[in-house]
Protein backbone atom coordinates (compact mmCIF):
# COMPACT_ATOMS: atom_id res chain seq x y z
CA UNK A 1 6.38 4.85 -2.69
CA UNK A 2 7.70 8.28 -1.79
CA UNK A 3 7.35 8.98 1.92
CA UNK A 4 5.82 12.27 3.06
CA UNK A 5 7.85 15.09 4.57
CA UNK A 6 8.25 15.32 8.33
CA UNK A 7 6.38 18.65 8.24
CA UNK A 8 3.15 16.76 7.50
CA UNK A 9 3.28 15.66 11.15
CA UNK A 10 2.63 19.26 12.18
CA UNK A 11 -0.87 18.97 10.66
CA UNK A 12 -1.79 15.76 12.51
CA UNK A 13 -3.35 15.46 15.98
CA UNK A 14 -1.05 12.62 17.04
CA UNK A 15 1.93 15.02 16.83
CA UNK A 16 0.93 18.69 16.51
CA UNK A 17 -0.54 19.30 20.02
CA UNK A 18 2.40 17.50 21.62
CA UNK A 19 4.87 19.52 19.54
CA UNK A 20 3.23 22.81 20.49
CA UNK A 21 3.09 21.87 24.19
CA UNK A 22 6.79 20.97 24.30
CA UNK A 23 7.76 24.03 22.23
CA UNK A 24 5.88 26.37 24.55
CA UNK A 25 7.49 24.71 27.59
CA UNK A 26 11.01 25.39 26.30
CA UNK A 27 9.92 28.86 25.18
CA UNK A 28 8.46 29.77 28.59
CA UNK A 29 11.46 28.43 30.52
CA UNK A 30 13.71 30.80 28.66
CA UNK A 31 11.40 33.83 28.65
CA UNK A 32 11.33 33.61 32.44
CA UNK A 33 15.00 32.74 33.07
CA UNK A 34 16.36 35.33 30.63
CA UNK A 35 14.09 38.08 31.97
CA UNK A 36 15.25 37.31 35.51
CA UNK A 37 18.95 37.20 34.61
CA UNK A 38 18.59 40.43 32.61
CA UNK A 39 16.84 42.19 35.51
CA UNK A 40 19.50 41.06 37.96
CA UNK A 41 22.33 42.02 35.62
CA UNK A 42 21.15 45.52 34.80
CA UNK A 43 19.07 46.43 37.85
CA UNK A 44 20.58 44.29 40.60
CA UNK A 45 20.67 46.90 43.36
CA UNK A 46 16.89 47.27 43.45
CA UNK A 47 16.46 43.51 43.82
CA UNK A 48 19.22 42.26 46.13
CA UNK A 49 22.64 42.94 47.63
CA UNK A 50 23.90 39.48 46.63
CA UNK A 51 26.76 39.26 44.14
CA UNK A 52 25.56 39.22 40.52
CA UNK A 53 28.12 36.60 39.54
CA UNK A 54 26.82 34.30 42.26
CA UNK A 55 23.23 34.76 41.10
CA UNK A 56 24.09 34.26 37.42
CA UNK A 57 25.55 30.85 38.29
CA UNK A 58 23.03 29.95 41.00
CA UNK A 59 19.97 30.38 38.79
CA UNK A 60 21.04 27.98 35.97
CA UNK A 61 22.31 25.57 38.62
CA UNK A 62 18.95 25.50 40.40
CA UNK A 63 17.24 24.82 37.06
CA UNK A 64 19.50 21.79 36.42
CA UNK A 65 19.37 20.39 39.97
CA UNK A 66 15.89 18.78 39.67
CA UNK A 67 17.13 16.74 36.69
CA UNK A 68 19.65 15.05 38.98
CA UNK A 69 17.25 14.66 41.91
CA UNK A 70 13.93 13.73 40.30
CA UNK A 71 14.59 12.25 36.84
CA UNK A 72 14.45 8.70 38.20
CA UNK A 73 11.00 9.39 39.68
CA UNK A 74 9.73 11.12 36.54
CA UNK A 75 10.80 8.15 34.40
CA UNK A 76 8.79 5.77 36.57
CA UNK A 77 5.70 7.99 36.38
CA UNK A 78 5.92 8.22 32.59
CA UNK A 79 6.16 4.41 32.25
CA UNK A 80 3.30 3.77 34.69
CA UNK A 81 0.73 6.42 33.71
CA UNK A 82 -0.88 7.61 30.48
CA UNK A 83 1.30 10.30 28.90
CA UNK A 84 -1.25 12.89 27.77
CA UNK A 85 -2.63 12.90 31.31
CA UNK A 86 0.85 13.43 32.77
CA UNK A 87 1.43 16.25 30.28
CA UNK A 88 -1.77 18.01 31.34
CA UNK A 89 -0.80 17.80 35.01
CA UNK A 90 2.72 19.04 34.24
CA UNK A 91 1.28 21.99 32.33
CA UNK A 92 -1.06 22.79 35.23
CA UNK A 93 2.04 22.78 37.45
CA UNK A 94 3.66 25.23 35.03
CA UNK A 95 0.68 27.60 35.39
CA UNK A 96 0.99 27.45 39.19
CA UNK A 97 4.75 28.08 39.04
CA UNK A 98 4.30 31.05 36.73
CA UNK A 99 1.62 32.37 39.09
CA UNK A 100 4.14 32.20 41.94
CA UNK A 101 6.71 33.93 39.76
CA UNK A 102 4.18 36.68 38.96
CA UNK A 103 3.81 37.37 42.69
CA UNK A 104 7.61 37.45 42.91
CA UNK A 105 7.85 39.89 40.00
CA UNK A 106 5.18 42.23 41.33
CA UNK A 107 6.58 42.28 44.89
CA UNK A 108 10.23 42.13 43.73
CA UNK A 109 10.69 39.09 45.98
CA UNK A 110 13.87 37.48 44.66
CA UNK A 111 13.43 34.27 46.64
CA UNK A 112 9.99 33.62 45.15
CA UNK A 113 11.52 34.05 41.69
CA UNK A 114 14.40 31.72 42.54
CA UNK A 115 11.88 29.16 43.83
CA UNK A 116 10.07 29.49 40.49
CA UNK A 117 13.35 28.77 38.66
CA UNK A 118 13.70 25.51 40.61
CA UNK A 119 10.02 24.83 39.93
CA UNK A 120 10.49 25.22 36.18
CA UNK A 121 13.45 22.85 36.41
CA UNK A 122 11.11 20.34 38.08
CA UNK A 123 8.52 20.97 35.35
CA UNK A 124 11.10 20.16 32.66
CA UNK A 125 12.31 17.12 34.60
CA UNK A 126 8.81 15.65 34.81
CA UNK A 127 8.12 16.30 31.12
CA UNK A 128 11.47 15.07 29.76
CA UNK A 129 10.79 11.30 29.80
CA UNK A 130 7.27 11.85 28.44
CA UNK A 131 8.66 14.00 25.66
CA UNK A 132 10.84 11.34 24.05
CA UNK A 133 8.91 8.20 25.08
CA UNK A 134 5.71 9.60 23.49
CA UNK A 135 7.17 9.67 19.97
CA UNK A 136 7.77 5.92 19.41
CA UNK A 137 4.19 5.23 20.50
CA UNK A 138 2.67 7.63 17.97
CA UNK A 139 5.09 7.58 15.02
CA UNK A 140 5.88 4.83 12.54
CA UNK A 141 9.54 3.70 12.35
CA UNK A 142 10.12 5.67 9.14
CA UNK A 143 8.74 8.82 10.83
CA UNK A 144 10.81 8.60 14.00
CA UNK A 145 13.91 10.46 12.78
CA UNK A 146 11.80 13.22 11.23
CA UNK A 147 9.71 13.54 14.39
CA UNK A 148 12.79 13.75 16.59
CA UNK A 149 14.25 16.31 14.21
CA UNK A 150 11.17 18.49 14.54
CA UNK A 151 11.26 18.20 18.34
CA UNK A 152 14.95 19.18 18.49
CA UNK A 153 14.35 22.05 16.07
CA UNK A 154 11.39 23.21 18.14
CA UNK A 155 13.36 22.97 21.38
CA UNK A 156 16.30 25.07 20.18
CA UNK A 157 14.12 27.61 18.36
CA UNK A 158 11.95 27.84 21.48
CA UNK A 159 15.03 28.47 23.61
CA UNK A 160 16.26 31.13 21.21
CA UNK A 161 12.94 32.95 20.87
CA UNK A 162 12.37 32.73 24.61
CA UNK A 163 15.72 34.34 25.36
CA UNK A 164 15.08 37.12 22.86
CA UNK A 165 11.53 37.79 24.10
CA UNK A 166 12.52 37.61 27.77
CA UNK A 167 15.26 40.19 27.33
CA UNK A 168 12.99 42.37 25.18
CA UNK A 169 9.97 42.34 27.52
CA UNK A 170 11.85 43.07 30.75
CA UNK A 171 13.54 46.07 29.13
CA UNK A 172 10.23 47.76 28.28
CA UNK A 173 9.66 50.70 30.63
CA UNK A 174 7.63 51.09 32.75
CA UNK A 175 5.66 47.87 32.13
CA UNK A 176 8.45 45.34 31.63
CA UNK A 177 7.85 43.39 34.84
CA UNK A 178 4.11 43.21 34.24
CA UNK A 179 4.65 42.03 30.65
CA UNK A 180 6.95 39.21 31.77
CA UNK A 181 4.70 38.17 34.68
CA UNK A 182 1.54 38.13 32.60
CA UNK A 183 3.16 36.78 29.44
CA UNK A 184 4.61 33.73 31.22
CA UNK A 185 1.18 32.83 32.60
CA UNK A 186 -0.42 33.20 29.16
CA UNK A 187 2.23 30.97 27.58
CA UNK A 188 1.74 28.33 30.30
CA UNK A 189 -2.04 28.35 29.77
CA UNK A 190 -1.53 27.95 25.99
CA UNK A 191 0.71 24.95 26.67
CA UNK A 192 -1.99 23.38 28.88
CA UNK A 193 -4.63 23.89 26.16
CA UNK A 194 -2.44 22.10 23.61
CA UNK A 195 -1.79 19.29 26.11
CA UNK A 196 -5.57 18.80 26.41
CA UNK A 197 -5.67 18.11 22.66
CA UNK A 198 -3.06 15.33 22.80
CA UNK A 199 -4.42 11.82 22.06
CA UNK A 200 -4.17 9.14 24.71
CA UNK A 201 -0.90 7.21 24.91
CA UNK A 202 -1.29 3.98 26.92
CA UNK A 203 1.36 3.35 29.59
CA UNK A 204 3.80 0.52 28.77
CA UNK A 205 4.12 -0.64 32.40
CA UNK A 206 0.88 0.15 34.29
CA UNK A 207 1.68 -2.49 36.91
CA UNK A 208 4.97 -0.80 37.83
CA UNK A 209 5.46 -0.22 41.56
CA UNK A 210 6.95 3.23 42.16
CA UNK A 211 10.24 3.30 44.04
CA UNK A 212 10.19 6.58 45.99
CA UNK A 213 13.82 6.21 47.08
CA UNK A 214 15.45 8.59 44.61
CA UNK A 215 19.02 7.44 45.26
CA UNK A 216 18.43 3.71 44.82
CA UNK A 217 16.16 4.24 41.82
CA UNK A 218 18.73 6.48 40.12
CA UNK A 219 21.51 3.92 40.59
CA UNK A 220 19.21 1.08 39.56
CA UNK A 221 18.05 3.01 36.51
CA UNK A 222 21.58 3.60 35.24
CA UNK A 223 22.60 0.02 36.07
CA UNK A 224 19.66 -1.36 34.08
CA UNK A 225 20.47 0.86 31.07
CA UNK A 226 24.13 -0.16 31.16
CA UNK A 227 23.15 -3.78 30.49
CA UNK A 228 22.02 -2.78 27.00
CA UNK A 229 25.38 -1.74 25.56
CA UNK A 230 24.19 0.01 22.35
CA UNK A 231 21.61 2.03 24.30
CA UNK A 232 24.04 2.97 27.06
CA UNK A 233 26.71 4.04 24.56
CA UNK A 234 24.09 6.18 22.80
CA UNK A 235 23.12 7.71 26.16
CA UNK A 236 26.77 8.59 26.89
CA UNK A 237 27.24 9.98 23.38
CA UNK A 238 24.11 12.11 23.83
CA UNK A 239 25.35 13.41 27.19
CA UNK A 240 28.70 14.24 25.65
CA UNK A 241 26.95 16.58 23.21
CA UNK A 242 25.42 18.45 26.15
CA UNK A 243 28.89 18.66 27.73
CA UNK A 244 30.31 20.05 24.47
CA UNK A 245 27.42 22.47 23.98
CA UNK A 246 27.47 23.64 27.59
CA UNK A 247 31.12 24.66 27.32
CA UNK A 248 30.60 26.57 24.07
CA UNK A 249 27.37 28.34 24.95
CA UNK A 250 28.58 29.38 28.40
CA UNK A 251 31.49 31.22 26.78
CA UNK A 252 29.48 33.07 24.12
CA UNK A 253 28.59 36.19 26.19
CA UNK A 254 32.17 36.90 27.28
CA UNK A 255 33.58 35.74 23.94
CA UNK A 256 31.34 38.22 22.09
CA UNK A 257 32.26 41.05 24.46
CA UNK A 258 35.97 40.51 25.18
CA UNK A 259 37.28 38.79 22.03
CA UNK A 260 34.96 40.04 19.31
CA UNK A 261 34.60 43.46 21.00
CA UNK A 262 30.91 43.32 20.20
CA UNK A 263 27.87 44.74 21.92
CA UNK A 264 24.86 42.66 23.01
CA UNK A 265 23.67 42.29 19.40
CA UNK A 266 26.82 40.33 18.50
CA UNK A 267 26.17 37.87 21.33
CA UNK A 268 22.57 37.48 20.16
CA UNK A 269 23.87 36.87 16.63
CA UNK A 270 26.11 33.99 17.77
CA UNK A 271 23.32 32.44 19.81
CA UNK A 272 20.84 32.82 16.95
CA UNK A 273 23.16 31.31 14.36
CA UNK A 274 24.01 28.35 16.60
CA UNK A 275 20.34 27.66 17.44
CA UNK A 276 19.23 27.91 13.82
CA UNK A 277 22.11 25.62 12.89
CA UNK A 278 20.96 22.93 15.34
CA UNK A 279 17.41 23.27 14.03
CA UNK A 280 18.59 22.97 10.42
CA UNK A 281 20.80 19.97 11.14
CA UNK A 282 17.97 18.26 13.03
CA UNK A 283 15.60 18.70 10.09
CA UNK A 284 18.22 17.49 7.59
CA UNK A 285 18.48 14.15 9.37
CA UNK A 286 15.30 12.75 7.86
CA UNK A 287 16.51 13.29 4.29
CA UNK A 288 20.10 12.25 5.01
CA UNK A 289 18.93 9.05 6.70
CA UNK A 290 16.43 8.18 3.94
CA UNK A 291 13.55 8.03 6.44
CA UNK A 292 15.09 5.42 8.76
CA UNK A 293 17.13 5.38 11.95
CA UNK A 294 20.63 5.87 10.52
CA UNK A 295 23.27 5.89 13.25
CA UNK A 296 25.89 6.28 10.53
CA UNK A 297 25.14 10.00 10.75
CA UNK A 298 26.61 10.15 14.26
CA UNK A 299 30.26 9.94 13.08
CA UNK A 300 29.47 12.56 10.41
CA UNK A 301 28.17 14.87 13.11
CA UNK A 302 31.17 14.20 15.37
CA UNK A 303 33.61 15.01 12.55
CA UNK A 304 31.88 18.32 11.87
CA UNK A 305 31.76 19.23 15.58
CA UNK A 306 35.52 18.71 15.84
CA UNK A 307 36.53 20.47 12.61
CA UNK A 308 34.43 23.61 13.02
CA UNK A 309 35.06 24.06 16.74
CA UNK A 310 38.79 23.82 16.03
CA UNK A 311 38.43 26.33 13.21
CA UNK A 312 36.44 28.65 15.49
CA UNK A 313 39.53 28.82 17.69
CA UNK A 314 41.73 29.62 14.69
CA UNK A 315 39.24 32.13 13.27
CA UNK A 316 39.20 33.98 16.58
CA UNK A 317 42.95 34.61 16.28
CA UNK A 318 42.43 36.12 12.82
CA UNK A 319 39.65 38.48 13.91
CA UNK A 320 40.66 42.13 13.61
CA UNK A 321 38.43 44.41 15.74
CA UNK A 322 40.11 46.26 18.62
CA UNK A 323 37.28 48.64 19.54
CA UNK A 324 33.67 47.90 20.44
CA UNK A 325 31.49 47.22 17.41
CA UNK A 326 27.77 46.86 16.83
CA UNK A 327 26.25 44.25 14.55
CA UNK A 328 26.80 46.11 11.28
CA UNK A 329 30.33 47.12 12.20
CA UNK A 330 31.09 43.53 13.24
CA UNK A 331 30.57 42.27 9.69
CA UNK A 332 33.04 44.84 8.40
CA UNK A 333 35.86 43.23 10.40
CA UNK A 334 38.22 40.71 8.84
CA UNK A 335 37.35 37.17 9.92
CA UNK A 336 33.82 37.98 11.11
CA UNK A 337 32.02 35.88 8.48
CA UNK A 338 34.28 32.90 9.17
CA UNK A 339 33.36 32.96 12.87
CA UNK A 340 29.63 33.11 12.08
CA UNK A 341 30.02 30.29 9.55
CA UNK A 342 31.82 28.13 12.12
CA UNK A 343 29.03 28.71 14.67
CA UNK A 344 26.43 27.80 12.04
CA UNK A 345 28.23 24.60 11.05
CA UNK A 346 28.76 23.57 14.68
CA UNK A 347 25.00 23.87 15.13
CA UNK A 348 24.19 21.96 11.92
CA UNK A 349 26.55 19.08 12.70
CA UNK A 350 25.30 19.09 16.29
CA UNK A 351 21.77 18.47 15.02
CA UNK A 352 22.99 15.74 12.69
CA UNK A 353 24.83 14.14 15.64
CA UNK A 354 22.09 14.25 18.26
CA UNK A 355 18.89 13.26 16.42
CA UNK A 356 19.98 9.70 15.41
CA UNK A 357 21.12 9.09 18.99
CA UNK A 358 17.65 9.89 20.36
CA UNK A 359 16.06 7.65 17.73
CA UNK A 360 18.53 4.86 18.55
CA UNK A 361 17.65 4.96 22.24
CA UNK A 362 13.93 4.98 21.42
CA UNK A 363 14.11 1.98 19.09
CA UNK A 364 16.59 -0.23 20.95
CA UNK A 365 15.62 0.05 24.60
CA UNK A 366 12.91 -2.12 26.15
CA UNK A 367 9.50 -0.50 25.49
CA UNK A 368 8.37 -1.09 29.09
CA UNK A 369 11.47 0.74 30.35
CA UNK A 370 11.65 3.54 27.78
CA UNK A 371 10.70 6.50 29.96
CA UNK A 372 13.06 5.34 32.70
CA UNK A 373 15.84 5.03 30.11
CA UNK A 374 15.18 8.58 28.92
CA UNK A 375 15.18 9.70 32.57
CA UNK A 376 18.56 8.03 33.07
CA UNK A 377 19.87 9.90 30.05
CA UNK A 378 18.59 13.18 31.53
CA UNK A 379 20.50 12.43 34.73
CA UNK A 380 23.67 11.84 32.74
CA UNK A 381 23.05 15.02 30.71
CA UNK A 382 22.78 17.08 33.89
CA UNK A 383 25.92 15.56 35.39
CA UNK A 384 27.86 16.12 32.16
CA UNK A 385 26.74 19.76 32.03
CA UNK A 386 27.91 20.32 35.61
CA UNK A 387 31.22 18.67 34.74
CA UNK A 388 31.52 20.95 31.68
CA UNK A 389 31.05 24.05 33.84
CA UNK A 390 33.66 22.84 36.33
CA UNK A 391 36.20 21.99 33.59
CA UNK A 392 35.70 25.37 31.90
CA UNK A 393 36.22 27.16 35.22
CA UNK A 394 39.43 25.20 35.93
CA UNK A 395 40.90 25.75 32.46
CA UNK A 396 40.06 29.45 32.41
CA UNK A 397 41.50 29.88 35.91
CA UNK A 398 44.64 28.08 34.67
CA UNK A 399 45.13 30.85 32.13
CA UNK A 400 43.56 29.52 28.94
CA UNK A 401 41.81 32.03 26.75
CA UNK A 402 38.31 31.35 25.45
CA UNK A 403 39.58 30.58 21.90
CA UNK A 404 42.06 28.13 23.46
CA UNK A 405 39.18 26.59 25.40
CA UNK A 406 37.37 26.10 22.08
CA UNK A 407 40.43 24.29 20.76
CA UNK A 408 40.63 22.04 23.82
CA UNK A 409 36.91 21.25 23.42
CA UNK A 410 37.44 20.30 19.77
CA UNK A 411 40.31 17.99 20.67
CA UNK A 412 38.34 16.44 23.53
CA UNK A 413 35.47 15.84 21.12
CA UNK A 414 37.79 13.95 18.78
CA UNK A 415 39.08 11.80 21.66
CA UNK A 416 35.62 11.05 23.07
CA UNK A 417 34.18 10.33 19.63
CA UNK A 418 37.09 7.96 18.99
CA UNK A 419 36.30 6.12 22.22
CA UNK A 420 32.58 5.92 21.39
CA UNK A 421 33.25 4.47 17.95
CA UNK A 422 35.85 2.06 19.35
CA UNK A 423 33.40 0.90 22.03
CA UNK A 424 30.67 0.41 19.43
CA UNK A 425 32.10 -0.20 15.94
CA UNK A 426 28.58 -0.32 14.46
CA UNK A 427 28.66 3.48 14.25
CA UNK A 428 31.65 3.39 11.92
CA UNK A 429 30.30 0.45 9.92
CA UNK A 430 27.02 2.22 9.31
CA UNK A 431 28.82 5.47 8.48
CA UNK A 432 30.92 3.68 5.87
CA UNK A 433 27.82 2.09 4.34
CA UNK A 434 25.98 5.42 4.37
CA UNK A 435 28.91 7.23 2.73
CA UNK A 436 29.25 4.63 -0.03
CA UNK A 437 25.53 4.78 -0.69
CA UNK A 438 25.66 8.58 -1.01
CA UNK A 439 28.63 8.33 -3.34
CA UNK A 440 27.03 5.75 -5.59
CA UNK A 441 23.63 7.39 -5.87
CA UNK A 442 23.18 9.55 -9.02
């Protein structure tokens, strides 16, 4: 019997309200953060005398910090309590945070806005384990890859649209601040309304005793996950993707300006193409995997991430513009299409790489420990992203250009992927079987 498309899930109550709630959360995060960074970049003197470079690194850092500090706690809460209830409370917290940010916007109080950034990081930390532990409870095994693909697509499209809308709203004179302040509250309320429509999802470990010691719970969480080798390898492989992506995306603004000689529209183009690529690759996973959890796609994704990141470095050397160009002029330059194509393919193979890893963790970890496992993965993701920022800073300070940094990232990806597949040969075995099946099918 032919299985239905993953898009059918968007019409069903068990998935649609959850999808909309998580989409609006990612969307709102980025409307708010981008509007704040844009305001500080272009109108810094009216807000603060602090260095813009410091603020542009402080704000993303404060957003990530709660993932390190509170993921272990959020995982316990998601395993102990019913998930739709947690989601409603998290969305109420988002409304409160956006209310605080509105006061910050209207009074131009930078510290209230920075507190709201940390608050939104906490909001995302609390929702993260719920987000991925909810799916295995509501979806059949053959729907899990498609459901994860939709969630990843929604996350990256939400990030992209949020960044575009945040930058657009704050630039509207004279009502930009009011539009951002009010719009963020409206989006948060919409997310809460969708959360209210989510069906109940019984907790897998209602008898769990909460360990409020964050340090010991974090260590214990990671130690427990490491006992399940396939799951822990998948967690590390997942975190590596965030390391890889953090390096690339952090370079895009300066890369677009200094190496492509483009204006802001060229940067937006790169970000858009990459995000749409991840969304496309995520959605392709269901068809490529034949409606099952197919970890053989992970090596395919890793190969594409290496090849096209390496080619992005080479394509940058062939690019011809020497004066600033807008979007239309950019496409008239030699090598411009190749760069866009590389960014698209990096995104597509990134989606193909990441979705089976999420599904693998969801299906192979202990059901009573699923949220805590996801929380442990979020901790690793945050640590890997911090490590990516530090490595990029060191290599750039050492004199590497951004295209050279892309090449180093591609080579590192090949090395790390080789280690992952050596540590768990099942990835390669399943990839070989998948490839032969594709070849033999008419």
